Amino acid sequence: MTIHSIGSKAAVRSAEARVAGYDWEMLAGELGNYGCAMMEKLLTPDECRQIAGLYPEEGHFRSHVHMARHGFGKGEYRYFRYPLPDLIGGLRSALYPRLAAVANAWNERMGIAQRYPAEHGAFLDLCREQGQTRPTPLLLQYVPGDFNCLHQDLYGDLAFPLQVAILLSQPGQDFTGGEFVLTEQRPRMQSRAEVVPLSQGDAVAFAVHNRPVRGTKGNYRVNLRHGVSRLRSGMRHTVGIIFHDAK
């Protein structure tokens, strides 16, 4: 499957097939226990190179952000415009239903009334009702010295609780450093850090904002943030799949 040539229906079918190949009961357990779960080899090396190769082609993107200008860190990223590249749009549609089941279970445990529809198109309809119409999938680029501060990708009043990042470059070959980092702030306790050892084509699904934790007196919420440590050498590309759109 290529970025440009394959039709969107075929892209969705291919994405659905590869997403369905993972053990989602195990992944849901990982998400519930740690706030993140890794999907090995979601993309092939050729697909990774094709997506990373889109970065200089401005026609694919709606905006270009330099992190240092906003205090976000150091590095840059571009938000895709609609229509998304078929492969990225296909993965967004295929991943969403699996993660929506996790998100709904989390909200029930946390006493949050919001429930998420089974299909991504229906969820985007809800985003539009909130005035959130700008696509949020993005392509990030880091060079030596770049990093991404700990943050949350919320973008509006309606935010889907989980998102996915896919590493497009090969650690140790294309770059060094640049580890994906997740921190969890627990009430009245010190924060916990999780470092996810991704290889090229691996994806990590993770909590955007909160997740439930079962305590002695029932469920409570912990607050999560994610970022990327300093790149030591080379160049690192990542594609981020965020399921809600932005205002």
Protein backbone atom coordinates (compact mmCIF):
# COMPACT_ATOMS: atom_id res chain seq x y z
CA MET A 1 0.00 0.00 0.00
CA THR A 2 1.37 3.41 -0.95
CA ILE A 3 0.50 6.85 0.33
CA HIS A 4 -0.59 8.33 -2.99
CA SER A 5 -1.82 5.63 -5.33
CA ILE A 6 -4.20 3.46 -3.36
CA GLY A 7 -7.89 4.39 -3.13
CA SER A 8 -9.31 5.38 0.23
CA LYS A 9 -11.60 2.32 0.51
CA ALA A 10 -8.68 -0.02 -0.08
CA ALA A 11 -6.58 1.95 2.43
CA VAL A 12 -9.27 1.55 5.07
CA ARG A 13 -9.58 -2.19 4.39
CA SER A 14 -5.81 -2.65 4.67
CA ALA A 15 -5.66 -0.58 7.85
CA GLU A 16 -8.56 -2.50 9.38
CA ALA A 17 -6.84 -5.82 8.62
CA ARG A 18 -3.55 -4.87 10.25
CA VAL A 19 -5.24 -3.22 13.25
CA ALA A 20 -7.42 -6.30 13.76
CA GLY A 21 -4.28 -8.45 13.94
CA TYR A 22 -3.32 -7.15 17.37
CA ASP A 23 -4.44 -8.64 20.68
CA TRP A 24 -6.76 -5.83 21.75
CA GLU A 25 -7.65 -7.42 25.06
CA MET A 26 -3.97 -7.33 25.97
CA LEU A 27 -3.55 -3.78 24.63
CA ALA A 28 -6.57 -2.59 26.61
CA GLY A 29 -4.99 -4.11 29.70
CA GLU A 30 -1.70 -2.32 29.03
CA LEU A 31 -3.53 0.96 28.56
CA GLY A 32 -5.44 0.42 31.77
CA ASN A 33 -2.36 -0.48 33.79
CA TYR A 34 0.19 1.98 32.40
CA GLY A 35 -1.62 4.57 30.28
CA CYS A 36 0.09 3.39 27.10
CA ALA A 37 0.41 0.30 24.90
CA MET A 38 2.77 -0.45 22.01
CA MET A 39 1.76 -1.92 18.64
CA GLU A 40 4.84 -3.32 16.96
CA LYS A 41 5.30 -2.91 13.20
CA LEU A 42 2.05 -1.10 12.47
CA LEU A 43 3.77 0.38 9.39
CA THR A 44 6.36 -1.12 7.07
CA PRO A 45 9.73 0.61 6.58
CA ASP A 46 8.67 1.65 3.08
CA GLU A 47 5.44 3.19 4.38
CA CYS A 48 7.43 5.02 7.07
CA ARG A 49 9.74 6.51 4.46
CA GLN A 50 6.81 7.54 2.28
CA ILE A 51 5.04 9.35 5.11
CA ALA A 52 8.25 11.06 6.31
CA GLY A 53 8.90 12.10 2.71
CA LEU A 54 5.70 14.16 2.73
CA TYR A 55 7.16 16.67 5.18
CA PRO A 56 8.56 19.17 2.62
CA GLU A 57 5.43 18.98 0.43
CA GLU A 58 3.39 21.92 1.71
CA GLY A 59 0.26 20.96 -0.20
CA HIS A 60 -0.46 18.16 2.28
CA PHE A 61 -0.59 20.48 5.30
CA ARG A 62 -2.76 23.25 6.75
CA SER A 63 -0.17 24.79 9.10
CA HIS A 64 3.49 24.67 10.14
CA VAL A 65 4.48 25.09 13.80
CA HIS A 66 7.95 25.91 15.18
CA MET A 67 7.84 24.71 18.78
CA ALA A 68 10.32 27.24 20.18
CA ARG A 69 8.12 30.17 19.15
CA HIS A 70 5.35 28.93 21.44
CA GLY A 71 7.43 27.49 24.30
CA PHE A 72 6.49 23.93 23.30
CA GLY A 73 10.11 22.75 23.08
CA LYS A 74 12.41 22.79 20.08
CA GLY A 75 11.59 21.21 16.73
CA GLU A 76 8.75 21.57 14.26
CA TYR A 77 5.62 19.90 13.01
CA ARG A 78 2.96 20.25 10.34
CA TYR A 79 -0.76 19.55 10.65
CA PHE A 80 -2.26 17.63 7.73
CA ARG A 81 -5.15 19.16 5.83
CA TYR A 82 -8.26 17.30 4.70
CA PRO A 83 -8.42 15.00 2.84
CA LEU A 84 -5.78 13.12 4.81
CA PRO A 85 -3.36 10.83 2.96
CA ASP A 86 -5.22 7.56 2.47
CA LEU A 87 -2.99 5.48 4.71
CA ILE A 88 -3.19 7.92 7.62
CA GLY A 89 -6.94 8.42 7.20
CA GLY A 90 -7.42 4.65 6.98
CA LEU A 91 -5.50 4.04 10.20
CA ARG A 92 -7.39 6.83 11.96
CA SER A 93 -10.70 5.21 11.04
CA ALA A 94 -9.53 1.68 11.85
CA LEU A 95 -7.93 2.45 15.22
CA TYR A 96 -10.77 4.58 16.54
CA PRO A 97 -13.41 1.84 17.23
CA ARG A 98 -10.91 -0.27 19.18
CA LEU A 99 -9.89 2.69 21.30
CA ALA A 100 -13.47 3.97 21.69
CA ALA A 101 -14.32 0.80 23.62
CA VAL A 102 -11.44 1.55 26.02
CA ALA A 103 -12.41 5.23 26.27
CA ASN A 104 -16.03 4.43 27.12
CA ALA A 105 -14.98 1.96 29.81
CA TRP A 106 -12.62 4.57 31.28
CA ASN A 107 -15.31 7.26 31.36
CA GLU A 108 -17.72 4.92 33.10
CA ARG A 109 -15.12 4.20 35.78
CA MET A 110 -14.34 7.92 36.20
CA GLY A 111 -17.99 8.94 36.38
CA ILE A 112 -17.82 10.95 33.15
CA ALA A 113 -21.08 11.04 31.19
CA GLN A 114 -19.53 11.38 27.72
CA ARG A 115 -19.73 8.26 25.56
CA TYR A 116 -18.09 7.89 22.15
CA PRO A 117 -19.86 6.46 19.08
CA ALA A 118 -18.58 3.24 17.54
CA GLU A 119 -17.54 4.84 14.22
CA HIS A 120 -15.08 7.67 13.77
CA GLY A 121 -17.27 9.52 11.27
CA ALA A 122 -20.00 9.84 13.89
CA PHE A 123 -17.48 11.18 16.39
CA LEU A 124 -16.28 13.80 13.89
CA ASP A 125 -19.91 14.88 13.54
CA LEU A 126 -19.88 15.59 17.27
CA CYS A 127 -16.66 17.59 16.82
CA ARG A 128 -18.29 19.69 14.12
CA GLU A 129 -21.22 20.42 16.43
CA GLN A 130 -18.66 21.86 18.87
CA GLY A 131 -17.09 24.02 16.14
CA GLN A 132 -14.07 21.71 15.90
CA THR A 133 -13.43 21.26 12.16
CA ARG A 134 -9.65 21.46 11.65
CA PRO A 135 -7.81 18.12 11.23
CA THR A 136 -5.29 17.28 13.94
CA PRO A 137 -3.12 14.41 12.55
CA LEU A 138 0.39 15.77 12.29
CA LEU A 139 3.91 15.00 11.11
CA LEU A 140 6.76 15.95 13.45
CA GLN A 141 10.44 16.51 12.60
CA TYR A 142 13.35 16.70 15.07
CA VAL A 143 17.05 17.42 14.51
CA PRO A 144 19.91 17.38 17.07
CA GLY A 145 19.04 19.37 20.19
CA ASP A 146 15.29 19.25 19.54
CA PHE A 147 12.79 18.03 22.14
CA ASN A 148 9.08 18.17 22.86
CA CYS A 149 7.94 19.43 26.26
CA LEU A 150 5.45 17.41 28.26
CA HIS A 151 1.97 18.35 27.10
CA GLN A 152 -1.61 17.27 26.32
CA ASP A 153 -3.22 17.48 22.87
CA LEU A 154 -6.72 18.73 23.70
CA TYR A 155 -7.60 21.36 21.03
CA GLY A 156 -11.19 22.03 22.13
CA ASP A 157 -14.03 21.21 24.49
CA LEU A 158 -14.48 17.73 22.98
CA ALA A 159 -11.33 15.62 23.21
CA PHE A 160 -11.03 11.88 22.60
CA PRO A 161 -9.16 10.33 25.58
CA LEU A 162 -6.58 8.34 23.56
CA GLN A 163 -4.23 9.03 20.68
CA VAL A 164 -1.54 7.20 18.69
CA ALA A 165 2.02 8.11 17.66
CA ILE A 166 3.98 6.12 15.07
CA LEU A 167 7.77 6.35 14.84
CA LEU A 168 8.85 6.69 11.19
CA SER A 169 12.64 6.69 11.72
CA GLN A 170 14.96 3.93 12.93
CA PRO A 171 16.64 4.52 16.34
CA GLY A 172 20.39 4.01 16.29
CA GLN A 173 20.47 4.33 12.51
CA ASP A 174 18.56 7.50 11.63
CA PHE A 175 18.87 9.17 15.03
CA THR A 176 19.91 8.76 18.68
CA GLY A 177 18.09 10.05 21.75
CA GLY A 178 14.56 11.25 21.14
CA GLU A 179 12.74 8.76 23.38
CA PHE A 180 8.95 8.91 23.78
CA VAL A 181 8.17 9.81 27.40
CA LEU A 182 4.87 9.62 29.29
CA THR A 183 4.42 10.99 32.81
CA GLU A 184 1.58 10.27 35.20
CA GLN A 185 0.73 12.64 38.05
CA ARG A 186 -0.96 10.76 40.86
CA PRO A 187 -2.89 12.51 43.67
CA ARG A 188 -0.73 13.14 46.73
CA MET A 189 2.07 11.01 45.23
CA GLN A 190 5.19 11.61 43.19
CA SER A 191 4.86 11.45 39.39
CA ARG A 192 5.63 8.26 37.49
CA ALA A 193 7.50 8.21 34.15
CA GLU A 194 7.16 5.67 31.33
CA VAL A 195 9.67 5.50 28.44
CA VAL A 196 8.44 3.54 25.41
CA PRO A 197 11.23 1.86 23.36
CA LEU A 198 9.87 2.27 19.82
CA SER A 199 11.46 1.01 16.61
CA GLN A 200 10.68 2.14 13.08
CA GLY A 201 7.03 1.46 12.26
CA ASP A 202 6.02 0.83 15.87
CA ALA A 203 3.06 2.74 17.30
CA VAL A 204 2.17 3.70 20.83
CA ALA A 205 -1.40 4.34 21.93
CA PHE A 206 -1.61 6.49 25.05
CA ALA A 207 -3.89 8.56 27.23
CA VAL A 208 -4.34 12.18 26.19
CA HIS A 209 -5.37 13.61 29.55
CA ASN A 210 -6.72 11.33 32.29
CA ARG A 211 -7.12 7.63 32.99
CA PRO A 212 -8.79 5.76 35.87
CA VAL A 213 -6.83 3.92 38.54
CA ARG A 214 -8.47 1.60 41.05
CA GLY A 215 -7.66 2.46 44.64
CA THR A 216 -8.76 1.18 48.02
CA LYS A 217 -11.79 3.52 47.95
CA GLY A 218 -12.74 3.01 44.31
CA ASN A 219 -11.55 4.61 41.10
CA TYR A 220 -9.67 7.89 40.93
CA ARG A 221 -8.19 9.89 38.05
CA VAL A 222 -4.53 10.37 37.23
CA ASN A 223 -3.28 13.14 34.94
CA LEU A 224 -0.94 12.28 32.04
CA ARG A 225 1.38 14.26 29.78
CA HIS A 226 3.65 13.11 26.99
CA GLY A 227 6.74 14.42 25.24
CA VAL A 228 10.01 13.51 23.51
CA SER A 229 13.47 13.69 25.08
CA ARG A 230 16.36 15.58 23.46
CA LEU A 231 17.55 14.27 20.11
CA ARG A 232 21.30 13.55 20.27
CA SER A 233 22.01 13.05 16.57
CA GLY A 234 20.36 12.53 13.18
CA MET A 235 16.75 13.26 12.24
CA ARG A 236 13.56 11.82 13.71
CA HIS A 237 10.08 11.80 12.13
CA THR A 238 6.86 10.80 13.85
CA VAL A 239 3.26 10.83 12.71
CA GLY A 240 0.65 11.59 15.35
CA ILE A 241 -2.95 10.37 14.97
CA ILE A 242 -5.31 12.44 17.09
CA PHE A 243 -8.95 11.47 16.80
CA HIS A 244 -10.71 14.74 17.65
CA ASP A 245 -10.50 17.77 15.42
CA ALA A 246 -9.53 21.27 16.55
CA LYS A 247 -11.35 24.60 16.76
